[in-house]
Amino acid sequence: MLTRQRLRALFASAAGAATFLVLGMPLPLLLGPMAGCLVVSLAGFRLKDLGQFGIFVRTFLGVAIGTTFTPEIVANIPDMARSLVIIPPFILVIGLTGFLLFRRIGFDRQTAFYAAMPGGIQDMLILGEQAGGNVRAMSLIHATRVLVIFSLVPFAITLFWGLDLNRPPGKPAADIPFHEIAIMVLAGIGGWQIAARIGIPGSSIIGPLILTACCTLAGLINSRPPAEMILIAQFIIGLAVGARYSGITAEELRKYVVVGVAYTAIIGVLSVTLIFSVVRTLGLEPLDALLSFLPGGQPEMAVIALAAGSDIAFVATHHILRMLLVILFAQLFSGWLRRQ
């Protein structure tokens, strides 16, 4: 339902996207809506994301990633093991660093733990709320982590790699067989609903990813999703990130957003140090390593990887493992947190 808050978010997103287009900024349909909603939120207006429609649009990303799992890519998955084994200790280092930082400034154990873990925002908020944490604090800290990384990475890619992130992210729908588009849509919706019923975290992306990958490997899909689908996903995801700041107060800005920026800066330094190390020791492509190990949001990093023409299967596999391990670690530590 298009409430006043959602209409306001759409207008703010459209204004932000138009401004970024005029200024020639990278990824205008992604960063523009985020910036527009952020400015309107900081001005004191209430916004709201697009709810179930926004979650449905995320299935486009799952489909886009799933189409990259060709037989050749799947055959090379064992080669990823060298870099995948780095994910668990990396999560523990980031989580411990954030936990100690948040405890030092006075957060309770539950809030400090779930705010520090670099998982999906929605999953961390649900688990953190069940554990008795401060949902508003966790929401703003995670949103700040995603927003800061999300904002800086496109400019870094443009500066250091010289890539044009504003090129079309695929062929137009008119150039793709209609039956393949129909299969993509069915795989997106079906994969999402099946994964949600089973209780898989990040079901709107992982479910469509798995089902689309199966269709691709079976030869039913031989194309990437239309550019229009990816551009719509960029717009809606940018809106969702910016809308998380809805209703923010000056006190929340000081208490949660500032510390969120500090936390992001610290884990950013840790991440860049790791990225330099794995690039030198494992011989990974620098851009793939950057997008795989930066602890941004899974859908947000997938959008950037698609726009940059990176190895999206490699990037997505690392982020999916990170997300699943964070959920596992959170469940393992939840009993200790309750006892404390």
C-alpha atoms as a PDB file:
ATOM      1  CA  MET A   1       0.000   0.000   0.000  1.00  0.00           C
ATOM      2  CA  LEU A   2       1.393   3.398  -1.006  1.00  0.00           C
ATOM      3  CA  THR A   3       1.190   5.340   2.246  1.00  0.00           C
ATOM      4  CA  ARG A   4       2.262   8.947   2.588  1.00  0.00           C
ATOM      5  CA  GLN A   5       5.638   7.874   4.001  1.00  0.00           C
ATOM      6  CA  ARG A   6       6.270   5.564   1.047  1.00  0.00           C
ATOM      7  CA  LEU A   7       5.248   8.205  -1.487  1.00  0.00           C
ATOM      8  CA  ARG A   8       7.602  10.628   0.231  1.00  0.00           C
ATOM      9  CA  ALA A   9      10.400   8.049  -0.016  1.00  0.00           C
ATOM     10  CA  LEU A  10       9.691   7.543  -3.732  1.00  0.00           C
ATOM     11  CA  PHE A  11       9.756  11.300  -4.443  1.00  0.00           C
ATOM     12  CA  ALA A  12      12.960  11.739  -2.413  1.00  0.00           C
ATOM     13  CA  SER A  13      14.548   8.811  -4.262  1.00  0.00           C
ATOM     14  CA  ALA A  14      13.517  10.162  -7.665  1.00  0.00           C
ATOM     15  CA  ALA A  15      14.898  13.598  -6.798  1.00  0.00           C
ATOM     16  CA  GLY A  16      18.166  12.071  -5.596  1.00  0.00           C
ATOM     17  CA  ALA A  17      18.499   9.912  -8.713  1.00  0.00           C
ATOM     18  CA  ALA A  18      17.809  12.884 -11.007  1.00  0.00           C
ATOM     19  CA  THR A  19      20.394  15.002  -9.170  1.00  0.00           C
ATOM     20  CA  PHE A  20      23.054  12.283  -9.421  1.00  0.00           C
ATOM     21  CA  LEU A  21      22.276  11.821 -13.136  1.00  0.00           C
ATOM     22  CA  VAL A  22      22.699  15.546 -13.820  1.00  0.00           C
ATOM     23  CA  LEU A  23      25.966  15.643 -11.840  1.00  0.00           C
ATOM     24  CA  GLY A  24      27.303  12.564 -13.650  1.00  0.00           C
ATOM     25  CA  MET A  25      27.854  10.628 -10.407  1.00  0.00           C
ATOM     26  CA  PRO A  26      28.513   6.862 -10.491  1.00  0.00           C
ATOM     27  CA  LEU A  27      25.504   4.559 -10.071  1.00  0.00           C
ATOM     28  CA  PRO A  28      22.943   7.402  -9.973  1.00  0.00           C
ATOM     29  CA  LEU A  29      19.964   5.043  -9.662  1.00  0.00           C
ATOM     30  CA  LEU A  30      21.580   3.397  -6.654  1.00  0.00           C
ATOM     31  CA  LEU A  31      23.367   6.155  -4.741  1.00  0.00           C
ATOM     32  CA  GLY A  32      20.914   8.893  -5.724  1.00  0.00           C
ATOM     33  CA  PRO A  33      17.851   7.366  -4.003  1.00  0.00           C
ATOM     34  CA  MET A  34      19.950   6.568  -0.945  1.00  0.00           C
ATOM     35  CA  ALA A  35      21.216  10.145  -0.698  1.00  0.00           C
ATOM     36  CA  GLY A  36      17.772  11.633  -1.367  1.00  0.00           C
ATOM     37  CA  CYS A  37      16.106   9.588   1.370  1.00  0.00           C
ATOM     38  CA  LEU A  38      18.961  10.296   3.766  1.00  0.00           C
ATOM     39  CA  VAL A  39      18.657  14.068   3.286  1.00  0.00           C
ATOM     40  CA  VAL A  40      14.879  13.997   3.735  1.00  0.00           C
ATOM     41  CA  SER A  41      15.207  11.809   6.848  1.00  0.00           C
ATOM     42  CA  LEU A  42      17.781  14.149   8.390  1.00  0.00           C
ATOM     43  CA  ALA A  43      15.384  17.028   7.684  1.00  0.00           C
ATOM     44  CA  GLY A  44      12.933  15.358  10.083  1.00  0.00           C
ATOM     45  CA  PHE A  45      10.497  13.711   7.670  1.00  0.00           C
ATOM     46  CA  ARG A  46       9.259  10.161   8.133  1.00  0.00           C
ATOM     47  CA  LEU A  47       9.943   7.662   5.358  1.00  0.00           C
ATOM     48  CA  LYS A  48       9.208   4.008   4.823  1.00  0.00           C
ATOM     49  CA  ASP A  49      10.610   1.409   2.435  1.00  0.00           C
ATOM     50  CA  LEU A  50       8.351  -0.420  -0.031  1.00  0.00           C
ATOM     51  CA  GLY A  51       7.740  -3.461   2.170  1.00  0.00           C
ATOM     52  CA  GLN A  52       6.961  -6.699   0.338  1.00  0.00           C
ATOM     53  CA  PHE A  53       7.454  -5.084  -3.064  1.00  0.00           C
ATOM     54  CA  GLY A  54      10.961  -4.084  -2.026  1.00  0.00           C
ATOM     55  CA  ILE A  55      11.674  -7.660  -0.931  1.00  0.00           C
ATOM     56  CA  PHE A  56      10.270  -8.943  -4.250  1.00  0.00           C
ATOM     57  CA  VAL A  57      12.631  -6.654  -6.169  1.00  0.00           C
ATOM     58  CA  ARG A  58      15.568  -8.229  -4.334  1.00  0.00           C
ATOM     59  CA  THR A  59      14.706 -11.481  -6.096  1.00  0.00           C
ATOM     60  CA  PHE A  60      16.003  -9.793  -9.278  1.00  0.00           C
ATOM     61  CA  LEU A  61      19.491  -9.829  -7.743  1.00  0.00           C
ATOM     62  CA  GLY A  62      19.184 -13.498  -6.804  1.00  0.00           C
ATOM     63  CA  VAL A  63      18.176 -14.274 -10.376  1.00  0.00           C
ATOM     64  CA  ALA A  64      21.043 -12.177 -11.769  1.00  0.00           C
ATOM     65  CA  ILE A  65      23.579 -14.000  -9.602  1.00  0.00           C
ATOM     66  CA  GLY A  66      22.038 -17.392 -10.391  1.00  0.00           C
ATOM     67  CA  THR A  67      22.464 -16.884 -14.144  1.00  0.00           C
ATOM     68  CA  THR A  68      26.242 -16.566 -13.641  1.00  0.00           C
ATOM     69  CA  PHE A  69      26.552 -20.132 -12.321  1.00  0.00           C
ATOM     70  CA  THR A  70      27.372 -21.742 -15.637  1.00  0.00           C
ATOM     71  CA  PRO A  71      28.990 -25.205 -15.775  1.00  0.00           C
ATOM     72  CA  GLU A  72      32.392 -23.538 -16.218  1.00  0.00           C
ATOM     73  CA  ILE A  73      31.920 -21.405 -13.097  1.00  0.00           C
ATOM     74  CA  VAL A  74      30.652 -24.327 -11.012  1.00  0.00           C
ATOM     75  CA  ALA A  75      33.688 -26.382 -12.030  1.00  0.00           C
ATOM     76  CA  ASN A  76      35.922 -23.633 -10.620  1.00  0.00           C
ATOM     77  CA  ILE A  77      34.146 -23.364  -7.241  1.00  0.00           C
ATOM     78  CA  PRO A  78      36.684 -25.648  -5.472  1.00  0.00           C
ATOM     79  CA  ASP A  79      39.345 -23.088  -6.374  1.00  0.00           C
ATOM     80  CA  MET A  80      37.508 -20.591  -4.144  1.00  0.00           C
ATOM     81  CA  ALA A  81      38.251 -22.693  -1.050  1.00  0.00           C
ATOM     82  CA  ARG A  82      41.565 -20.909  -0.489  1.00  0.00           C
ATOM     83  CA  SER A  83      39.837 -17.580   0.023  1.00  0.00           C
ATOM     84  CA  LEU A  84      36.617 -18.914   1.575  1.00  0.00           C
ATOM     85  CA  VAL A  85      38.512 -20.347   4.565  1.00  0.00           C
ATOM     86  CA  ILE A  86      39.532 -16.801   5.460  1.00  0.00           C
ATOM     87  CA  ILE A  87      35.913 -15.755   6.053  1.00  0.00           C
ATOM     88  CA  PRO A  88      35.349 -17.401   9.496  1.00  0.00           C
ATOM     89  CA  PRO A  89      38.387 -15.881  11.284  1.00  0.00           C
ATOM     90  CA  PHE A  90      37.723 -12.561   9.541  1.00  0.00           C
ATOM     91  CA  ILE A  91      34.167 -12.491  10.924  1.00  0.00           C
ATOM     92  CA  LEU A  92      35.447 -13.251  14.430  1.00  0.00           C
ATOM     93  CA  VAL A  93      38.022 -10.433  14.251  1.00  0.00           C
ATOM     94  CA  ILE A  94      35.455  -7.902  13.043  1.00  0.00           C
ATOM     95  CA  GLY A  95      32.840  -9.064  15.535  1.00  0.00           C
ATOM     96  CA  LEU A  96      35.223  -8.970  18.507  1.00  0.00           C
ATOM     97  CA  THR A  97      36.537  -5.539  17.500  1.00  0.00           C
ATOM     98  CA  GLY A  98      33.042  -4.096  17.273  1.00  0.00           C
ATOM     99  CA  PHE A  99      31.854  -5.807  20.450  1.00  0.00           C
ATOM    100  CA  LEU A 100      34.732  -4.368  22.499  1.00  0.00           C
ATOM    101  CA  LEU A 101      34.184  -0.903  20.981  1.00  0.00           C
ATOM    102  CA  PHE A 102      30.447  -0.864  21.713  1.00  0.00           C
ATOM    103  CA  ARG A 103      30.891  -2.256  25.221  1.00  0.00           C
ATOM    104  CA  ARG A 104      33.490   0.410  25.969  1.00  0.00           C
ATOM    105  CA  ILE A 105      31.058   3.207  25.120  1.00  0.00           C
ATOM    106  CA  GLY A 106      28.334   1.717  27.322  1.00  0.00           C
ATOM    107  CA  PHE A 107      26.181  -0.586  25.176  1.00  0.00           C
ATOM    108  CA  ASP A 108      24.727  -3.669  26.856  1.00  0.00           C
ATOM    109  CA  ARG A 109      26.110  -7.046  25.770  1.00  0.00           C
ATOM    110  CA  GLN A 110      23.185  -7.960  23.539  1.00  0.00           C
ATOM    111  CA  THR A 111      23.190  -4.657  21.625  1.00  0.00           C
ATOM    112  CA  ALA A 112      26.991  -4.622  21.367  1.00  0.00           C
ATOM    113  CA  PHE A 113      27.135  -8.171  20.005  1.00  0.00           C
ATOM    114  CA  TYR A 114      24.407  -7.915  17.361  1.00  0.00           C
ATOM    115  CA  ALA A 115      25.489  -4.425  16.291  1.00  0.00           C
ATOM    116  CA  ALA A 116      29.055  -5.686  15.765  1.00  0.00           C
ATOM    117  CA  MET A 117      28.323  -8.841  13.782  1.00  0.00           C
ATOM    118  CA  PRO A 118      28.643  -8.107  10.012  1.00  0.00           C
ATOM    119  CA  GLY A 119      25.531  -9.960   8.904  1.00  0.00           C
ATOM    120  CA  GLY A 120      22.338  -9.053   7.099  1.00  0.00           C
ATOM    121  CA  ILE A 121      20.576  -6.098   8.700  1.00  0.00           C
ATOM    122  CA  GLN A 122      17.195  -7.801   8.946  1.00  0.00           C
ATOM    123  CA  ASP A 123      18.614 -11.010  10.429  1.00  0.00           C
ATOM    124  CA  MET A 124      20.688  -9.161  13.026  1.00  0.00           C
ATOM    125  CA  LEU A 125      17.735  -7.000  14.072  1.00  0.00           C
ATOM    126  CA  ILE A 126      15.431 -10.000  14.501  1.00  0.00           C
ATOM    127  CA  LEU A 127      17.984 -11.975  16.526  1.00  0.00           C
ATOM    128  CA  GLY A 128      19.058  -8.896  18.482  1.00  0.00           C
ATOM    129  CA  GLU A 129      15.489  -8.018  19.394  1.00  0.00           C
ATOM    130  CA  GLN A 130      14.849 -11.593  20.558  1.00  0.00           C
ATOM    131  CA  ALA A 131      17.960 -11.336  22.734  1.00  0.00           C
ATOM    132  CA  GLY A 132      16.747  -8.063  24.287  1.00  0.00           C
ATOM    133  CA  GLY A 133      19.029  -5.629  22.438  1.00  0.00           C
ATOM    134  CA  ASN A 134      18.310  -2.006  21.518  1.00  0.00           C
ATOM    135  CA  VAL A 135      16.713  -2.364  18.074  1.00  0.00           C
ATOM    136  CA  ARG A 136      17.013   1.308  17.131  1.00  0.00           C
ATOM    137  CA  ALA A 137      20.720   1.400  17.990  1.00  0.00           C
ATOM    138  CA  MET A 138      21.423  -1.802  16.057  1.00  0.00           C
ATOM    139  CA  SER A 139      19.387  -0.609  13.081  1.00  0.00           C
ATOM    140  CA  LEU A 140      21.205   2.719  12.785  1.00  0.00           C
ATOM    141  CA  ILE A 141      24.678   1.204  13.294  1.00  0.00           C
ATOM    142  CA  HIS A 142      24.130  -1.485  10.655  1.00  0.00           C
ATOM    143  CA  ALA A 143      22.534   1.022   8.278  1.00  0.00           C
ATOM    144  CA  THR A 144      25.549   3.308   8.743  1.00  0.00           C
ATOM    145  CA  ARG A 145      27.964   0.444   8.056  1.00  0.00           C
ATOM    146  CA  VAL A 146      26.183  -0.397   4.807  1.00  0.00           C
ATOM    147  CA  LEU A 147      25.708   3.244   3.808  1.00  0.00           C
ATOM    148  CA  VAL A 148      29.355   4.251   4.308  1.00  0.00           C
ATOM    149  CA  ILE A 149      30.786   1.226   2.471  1.00  0.00           C
ATOM    150  CA  PHE A 150      28.043   1.422  -0.149  1.00  0.00           C
ATOM    151  CA  SER A 151      28.803   5.091  -0.831  1.00  0.00           C
ATOM    152  CA  LEU A 152      32.598   4.905  -0.979  1.00  0.00           C
ATOM    153  CA  VAL A 153      33.122   1.736  -3.023  1.00  0.00           C
ATOM    154  CA  PRO A 154      31.705   3.046  -6.349  1.00  0.00           C
ATOM    155  CA  PHE A 155      33.945   6.120  -6.148  1.00  0.00           C
ATOM    156  CA  ALA A 156      36.972   3.920  -5.310  1.00  0.00           C
ATOM    157  CA  ILE A 157      36.220   1.662  -8.280  1.00  0.00           C
ATOM    158  CA  THR A 158      35.883   4.657 -10.588  1.00  0.00           C
ATOM    159  CA  LEU A 159      39.078   6.245  -9.249  1.00  0.00           C
ATOM    160  CA  PHE A 160      41.412   3.222  -9.092  1.00  0.00           C
ATOM    161  CA  TRP A 161      40.037   0.972 -11.837  1.00  0.00           C
ATOM    162  CA  GLY A 162      38.668   3.639 -14.164  1.00  0.00           C
ATOM    163  CA  LEU A 163      35.484   1.632 -14.765  1.00  0.00           C
ATOM    164  CA  ASP A 164      32.292   3.193 -16.056  1.00  0.00           C
ATOM    165  CA  LEU A 165      29.638   2.125 -13.556  1.00  0.00           C
ATOM    166  CA  ASN A 166      26.896   3.931 -15.486  1.00  0.00           C
ATOM    167  CA  ARG A 167      26.970   1.581 -18.467  1.00  0.00           C
ATOM    168  CA  PRO A 168      23.862  -0.588 -18.964  1.00  0.00           C
ATOM    169  CA  PRO A 169      24.065  -3.612 -16.629  1.00  0.00           C
ATOM    170  CA  GLY A 170      22.906  -5.998 -19.357  1.00  0.00           C
ATOM    171  CA  LYS A 171      20.866  -6.291 -22.525  1.00  0.00           C
ATOM    172  CA  PRO A 172      17.443  -4.609 -22.771  1.00  0.00           C
ATOM    173  CA  ALA A 173      14.401  -6.826 -22.306  1.00  0.00           C
ATOM    174  CA  ALA A 174      13.594  -6.610 -26.024  1.00  0.00           C
ATOM    175  CA  ASP A 175      16.817  -8.491 -26.848  1.00  0.00           C
ATOM    176  CA  ILE A 176      16.151 -11.422 -24.493  1.00  0.00           C
ATOM    177  CA  PRO A 177      13.820 -14.319 -25.399  1.00  0.00           C
ATOM    178  CA  PHE A 178      10.460 -13.883 -23.699  1.00  0.00           C
ATOM    179  CA  HIS A 179      10.358 -17.463 -22.407  1.00  0.00           C
ATOM    180  CA  GLU A 180      13.686 -16.941 -20.603  1.00  0.00           C
ATOM    181  CA  ILE A 181      12.377 -13.794 -18.903  1.00  0.00           C
ATOM    182  CA  ALA A 182       9.275 -15.751 -17.844  1.00  0.00           C
ATOM    183  CA  ILE A 183      11.465 -18.524 -16.374  1.00  0.00           C
ATOM    184  CA  MET A 184      13.549 -15.921 -14.519  1.00  0.00           C
ATOM    185  CA  VAL A 185      10.436 -14.351 -12.979  1.00  0.00           C
ATOM    186  CA  LEU A 186       9.039 -17.736 -11.943  1.00  0.00           C
ATOM    187  CA  ALA A 187      12.406 -18.826 -10.543  1.00  0.00           C
ATOM    188  CA  GLY A 188      12.657 -15.568  -8.607  1.00  0.00           C
ATOM    189  CA  ILE A 189       9.221 -15.769  -7.018  1.00  0.00           C
ATOM    190  CA  GLY A 190       9.278 -19.550  -6.540  1.00  0.00           C
ATOM    191  CA  GLY A 191      12.791 -19.608  -5.098  1.00  0.00           C
ATOM    192  CA  TRP A 192      11.949 -16.787  -2.686  1.00  0.00           C
ATOM    193  CA  GLN A 193       8.771 -18.454  -1.402  1.00  0.00           C
ATOM    194  CA  ILE A 194      10.368 -21.899  -1.031  1.00  0.00           C
ATOM    195  CA  ALA A 195      13.395 -20.494   0.807  1.00  0.00           C
ATOM    196  CA  ALA A 196      11.151 -18.404   3.067  1.00  0.00           C
ATOM    197  CA  ARG A 197       9.048 -21.435   4.021  1.00  0.00           C
ATOM    198  CA  ILE A 198      12.163 -23.454   4.837  1.00  0.00           C
ATOM    199  CA  GLY A 199      13.498 -20.554   6.900  1.00  0.00           C
ATOM    200  CA  ILE A 200      16.677 -19.844   4.910  1.00  0.00           C
ATOM    201  CA  PRO A 201      18.231 -16.462   5.879  1.00  0.00           C
ATOM    202  CA  GLY A 202      18.175 -13.932   3.048  1.00  0.00           C
ATOM    203  CA  SER A 203      15.474 -15.996   1.324  1.00  0.00           C
ATOM    204  CA  SER A 204      14.600 -13.283  -1.223  1.00  0.00           C
ATOM    205  CA  ILE A 205      18.097 -13.546  -2.720  1.00  0.00           C
ATOM    206  CA  ILE A 206      19.395 -17.028  -1.894  1.00  0.00           C
ATOM    207  CA  GLY A 207      16.207 -18.866  -2.940  1.00  0.00           C
ATOM    208  CA  PRO A 208      16.027 -17.259  -6.408  1.00  0.00           C
ATOM    209  CA  LEU A 209      19.791 -17.667  -6.756  1.00  0.00           C
ATOM    210  CA  ILE A 210      19.646 -21.432  -6.203  1.00  0.00           C
ATOM    211  CA  LEU A 211      16.598 -22.040  -8.395  1.00  0.00           C
ATOM    212  CA  THR A 212      17.897 -19.829 -11.216  1.00  0.00           C
ATOM    213  CA  ALA A 213      21.315 -21.506 -11.048  1.00  0.00           C
ATOM    214  CA  CYS A 214      19.584 -24.879 -11.481  1.00  0.00           C
ATOM    215  CA  CYS A 215      17.690 -23.553 -14.515  1.00  0.00           C
ATOM    216  CA  THR A 216      20.909 -22.135 -15.968  1.00  0.00           C
ATOM    217  CA  LEU A 217      22.817 -25.384 -15.478  1.00  0.00           C
ATOM    218  CA  ALA A 218      19.904 -27.266 -17.074  1.00  0.00           C
ATOM    219  CA  GLY A 219      20.136 -25.041 -20.149  1.00  0.00           C
ATOM    220  CA  LEU A 220      16.735 -23.388 -19.640  1.00  0.00           C
ATOM    221  CA  ILE A 221      18.293 -19.928 -19.204  1.00  0.00           C
ATOM    222  CA  ASN A 222      21.108 -18.698 -21.424  1.00  0.00           C
ATOM    223  CA  SER A 223      20.894 -14.951 -20.771  1.00  0.00           C
ATOM    224  CA  ARG A 224      21.428 -12.512 -17.950  1.00  0.00           C
ATOM    225  CA  PRO A 225      18.368 -10.650 -16.603  1.00  0.00           C
ATOM    226  CA  PRO A 226      17.269  -7.565 -18.586  1.00  0.00           C
ATOM    227  CA  ALA A 227      19.006  -4.298 -17.739  1.00  0.00           C
ATOM    228  CA  GLU A 228      15.642  -2.861 -16.689  1.00  0.00           C
ATOM    229  CA  MET A 229      15.339  -5.410 -13.852  1.00  0.00           C
ATOM    230  CA  ILE A 230      18.777  -4.551 -12.464  1.00  0.00           C
ATOM    231  CA  LEU A 231      18.138  -0.793 -12.688  1.00  0.00           C
ATOM    232  CA  ILE A 232      14.836  -1.166 -10.809  1.00  0.00           C
ATOM    233  CA  ALA A 233      16.651  -3.214  -8.150  1.00  0.00           C
ATOM    234  CA  GLN A 234      19.298  -0.501  -7.832  1.00  0.00           C
ATOM    235  CA  PHE A 235      16.636   2.167  -7.264  1.00  0.00           C
ATOM    236  CA  ILE A 236      14.633   0.202  -4.681  1.00  0.00           C
ATOM    237  CA  ILE A 237      17.710  -0.944  -2.732  1.00  0.00           C
ATOM    238  CA  GLY A 238      19.049   2.626  -2.595  1.00  0.00           C
ATOM    239  CA  LEU A 239      15.662   3.766  -1.284  1.00  0.00           C
ATOM    240  CA  ALA A 240      15.618   1.042   1.382  1.00  0.00           C
ATOM    241  CA  VAL A 241      19.071   1.977   2.720  1.00  0.00           C
ATOM    242  CA  GLY A 242      18.248   5.688   2.954  1.00  0.00           C
ATOM    243  CA  ALA A 243      14.807   5.103   4.490  1.00  0.00           C
ATOM    244  CA  ARG A 244      16.365   3.333   7.498  1.00  0.00           C
ATOM    245  CA  TYR A 245      17.268   6.775   8.857  1.00  0.00           C
ATOM    246  CA  SER A 246      13.613   7.788   8.997  1.00  0.00           C
ATOM    247  CA  GLY A 247      12.744   9.769  12.125  1.00  0.00           C
ATOM    248  CA  ILE A 248      16.330  10.049  13.305  1.00  0.00           C
ATOM    249  CA  THR A 249      16.914  12.556  16.116  1.00  0.00           C
ATOM    250  CA  ALA A 250      19.954  14.666  16.932  1.00  0.00           C
ATOM    251  CA  GLU A 251      20.644  12.469  19.968  1.00  0.00           C
ATOM    252  CA  GLU A 252      20.491   9.281  17.859  1.00  0.00           C
ATOM    253  CA  LEU A 253      22.783  10.893  15.316  1.00  0.00           C
ATOM    254  CA  ARG A 254      25.315  11.589  18.052  1.00  0.00           C
ATOM    255  CA  LYS A 255      24.954   8.294  19.943  1.00  0.00           C
ATOM    256  CA  TYR A 256      24.547   5.765  17.164  1.00  0.00           C
ATOM    257  CA  VAL A 257      25.477   7.158  13.762  1.00  0.00           C
ATOM    258  CA  VAL A 258      28.773   8.712  14.846  1.00  0.00           C
ATOM    259  CA  VAL A 259      29.869   5.509  16.576  1.00  0.00           C
ATOM    260  CA  GLY A 260      28.648   3.581  13.535  1.00  0.00           C
ATOM    261  CA  VAL A 261      30.939   5.640  11.312  1.00  0.00           C
ATOM    262  CA  ALA A 262      33.862   5.018  13.704  1.00  0.00           C
ATOM    263  CA  TYR A 263      33.133   1.278  13.739  1.00  0.00           C
ATOM    264  CA  THR A 264      32.933   1.207   9.930  1.00  0.00           C
ATOM    265  CA  ALA A 265      36.252   3.054   9.644  1.00  0.00           C
ATOM    266  CA  ILE A 266      37.948   0.514  11.930  1.00  0.00           C
ATOM    267  CA  ILE A 267      36.612  -2.561  10.136  1.00  0.00           C
ATOM    268  CA  GLY A 268      37.305  -0.833   6.826  1.00  0.00           C
ATOM    269  CA  VAL A 269      41.000  -0.629   7.720  1.00  0.00           C
ATOM    270  CA  LEU A 270      40.952  -4.288   8.808  1.00  0.00           C
ATOM    271  CA  SER A 271      39.214  -5.267   5.567  1.00  0.00           C
ATOM    272  CA  VAL A 272      41.603  -3.359   3.308  1.00  0.00           C
ATOM    273  CA  THR A 273      44.573  -4.894   5.144  1.00  0.00           C
ATOM    274  CA  LEU A 274      43.112  -8.363   4.573  1.00  0.00           C
ATOM    275  CA  ILE A 275      42.353  -7.587   0.924  1.00  0.00           C
ATOM    276  CA  PHE A 276      45.939  -6.516   0.241  1.00  0.00           C
ATOM    277  CA  SER A 277      47.151  -9.710   1.923  1.00  0.00           C
ATOM    278  CA  VAL A 278      44.922 -12.115  -0.018  1.00  0.00           C
ATOM    279  CA  VAL A 279      45.631 -10.365  -3.316  1.00  0.00           C
ATOM    280  CA  ARG A 280      49.376 -10.787  -2.772  1.00  0.00           C
ATOM    281  CA  THR A 281      49.360 -14.298  -1.315  1.00  0.00           C
ATOM    282  CA  LEU A 282      46.513 -15.920  -3.267  1.00  0.00           C
ATOM    283  CA  GLY A 283      46.817 -13.992  -6.517  1.00  0.00           C
ATOM    284  CA  LEU A 284      43.169 -12.894  -6.531  1.00  0.00           C
ATOM    285  CA  GLU A 285      41.867 -10.187  -8.801  1.00  0.00           C
ATOM    286  CA  PRO A 286      41.975  -6.980  -6.680  1.00  0.00           C
ATOM    287  CA  LEU A 287      38.458  -5.873  -7.634  1.00  0.00           C
ATOM    288  CA  ASP A 288      36.963  -9.302  -6.903  1.00  0.00           C
ATOM    289  CA  ALA A 289      38.771  -9.390  -3.541  1.00  0.00           C
ATOM    290  CA  LEU A 290      37.582  -5.881  -2.659  1.00  0.00           C
ATOM    291  CA  LEU A 291      33.938  -6.650  -3.362  1.00  0.00           C
ATOM    292  CA  SER A 292      34.124 -10.099  -1.708  1.00  0.00           C
ATOM    293  CA  PHE A 293      35.649  -9.146   1.635  1.00  0.00           C
ATOM    294  CA  LEU A 294      34.242  -5.699   2.373  1.00  0.00           C
ATOM    295  CA  PRO A 295      31.518  -6.264   4.995  1.00  0.00           C
ATOM    296  CA  GLY A 296      28.778  -4.333   3.234  1.00  0.00           C
ATOM    297  CA  GLY A 297      25.267  -5.616   2.739  1.00  0.00           C
ATOM    298  CA  GLN A 298      24.891  -8.690   0.531  1.00  0.00           C
ATOM    299  CA  PRO A 299      22.383  -7.152  -1.944  1.00  0.00           C
ATOM    300  CA  GLU A 300      24.246  -3.841  -2.033  1.00  0.00           C
ATOM    301  CA  MET A 301      27.604  -5.439  -2.849  1.00  0.00           C
ATOM    302  CA  ALA A 302      25.933  -7.656  -5.453  1.00  0.00           C
ATOM    303  CA  VAL A 303      24.530  -4.598  -7.221  1.00  0.00           C
ATOM    304  CA  ILE A 304      27.956  -2.952  -7.316  1.00  0.00           C
ATOM    305  CA  ALA A 305      29.586  -6.173  -8.552  1.00  0.00           C
ATOM    306  CA  LEU A 306      27.047  -6.422 -11.370  1.00  0.00           C
ATOM    307  CA  ALA A 307      27.631  -2.806 -12.376  1.00  0.00           C
ATOM    308  CA  ALA A 308      31.424  -3.207 -12.265  1.00  0.00           C
ATOM    309  CA  GLY A 309      31.406  -6.389 -14.344  1.00  0.00           C
ATOM    310  CA  SER A 310      33.161  -8.268 -11.544  1.00  0.00           C
ATOM    311  CA  ASP A 311      33.051 -12.045 -11.036  1.00  0.00           C
ATOM    312  CA  ILE A 312      29.625 -11.968  -9.428  1.00  0.00           C
ATOM    313  CA  ALA A 313      29.591 -15.716  -8.651  1.00  0.00           C
ATOM    314  CA  PHE A 314      32.870 -15.355  -6.728  1.00  0.00           C
ATOM    315  CA  VAL A 315      31.670 -12.249  -4.882  1.00  0.00           C
ATOM    316  CA  ALA A 316      28.247 -13.678  -4.047  1.00  0.00           C
ATOM    317  CA  THR A 317      29.670 -16.974  -2.742  1.00  0.00           C
ATOM    318  CA  HIS A 318      31.869 -15.133  -0.240  1.00  0.00           C
ATOM    319  CA  HIS A 319      29.037 -12.896   0.980  1.00  0.00           C
ATOM    320  CA  ILE A 320      26.591 -15.789   1.294  1.00  0.00           C
ATOM    321  CA  LEU A 321      29.122 -17.714   3.375  1.00  0.00           C
ATOM    322  CA  ARG A 322      29.707 -14.635   5.546  1.00  0.00           C
ATOM    323  CA  MET A 323      25.985 -14.167   6.108  1.00  0.00           C
ATOM    324  CA  LEU A 324      25.371 -17.825   6.984  1.00  0.00           C
ATOM    325  CA  LEU A 325      28.365 -17.968   9.340  1.00  0.00           C
ATOM    326  CA  VAL A 326      27.255 -14.798  11.126  1.00  0.00           C
ATOM    327  CA  ILE A 327      23.846 -16.389  11.715  1.00  0.00           C
ATOM    328  CA  LEU A 328      25.574 -19.531  13.031  1.00  0.00           C
ATOM    329  CA  PHE A 329      27.882 -17.559  15.340  1.00  0.00           C
ATOM    330  CA  ALA A 330      24.943 -15.499  16.581  1.00  0.00           C
ATOM    331  CA  GLN A 331      23.006 -18.647  17.459  1.00  0.00           C
ATOM    332  CA  LEU A 332      26.027 -20.172  19.216  1.00  0.00           C
ATOM    333  CA  PHE A 333      26.582 -17.079  21.356  1.00  0.00           C
ATOM    334  CA  SER A 334      22.890 -16.364  22.044  1.00  0.00           C
ATOM    335  CA  GLY A 335      22.830 -18.708  25.052  1.00  0.00           C
ATOM    336  CA  TRP A 336      25.860 -17.017  26.595  1.00  0.00           C
ATOM    337  CA  LEU A 337      24.286 -13.606  26.082  1.00  0.00           C
ATOM    338  CA  ARG A 338      21.055 -14.679  27.793  1.00  0.00           C
ATOM    339  CA  ARG A 339      22.972 -16.063  30.764  1.00  0.00           C
ATOM    340  CA  GLN A 340      24.931 -12.834  31.084  1.00  0.00           C
END
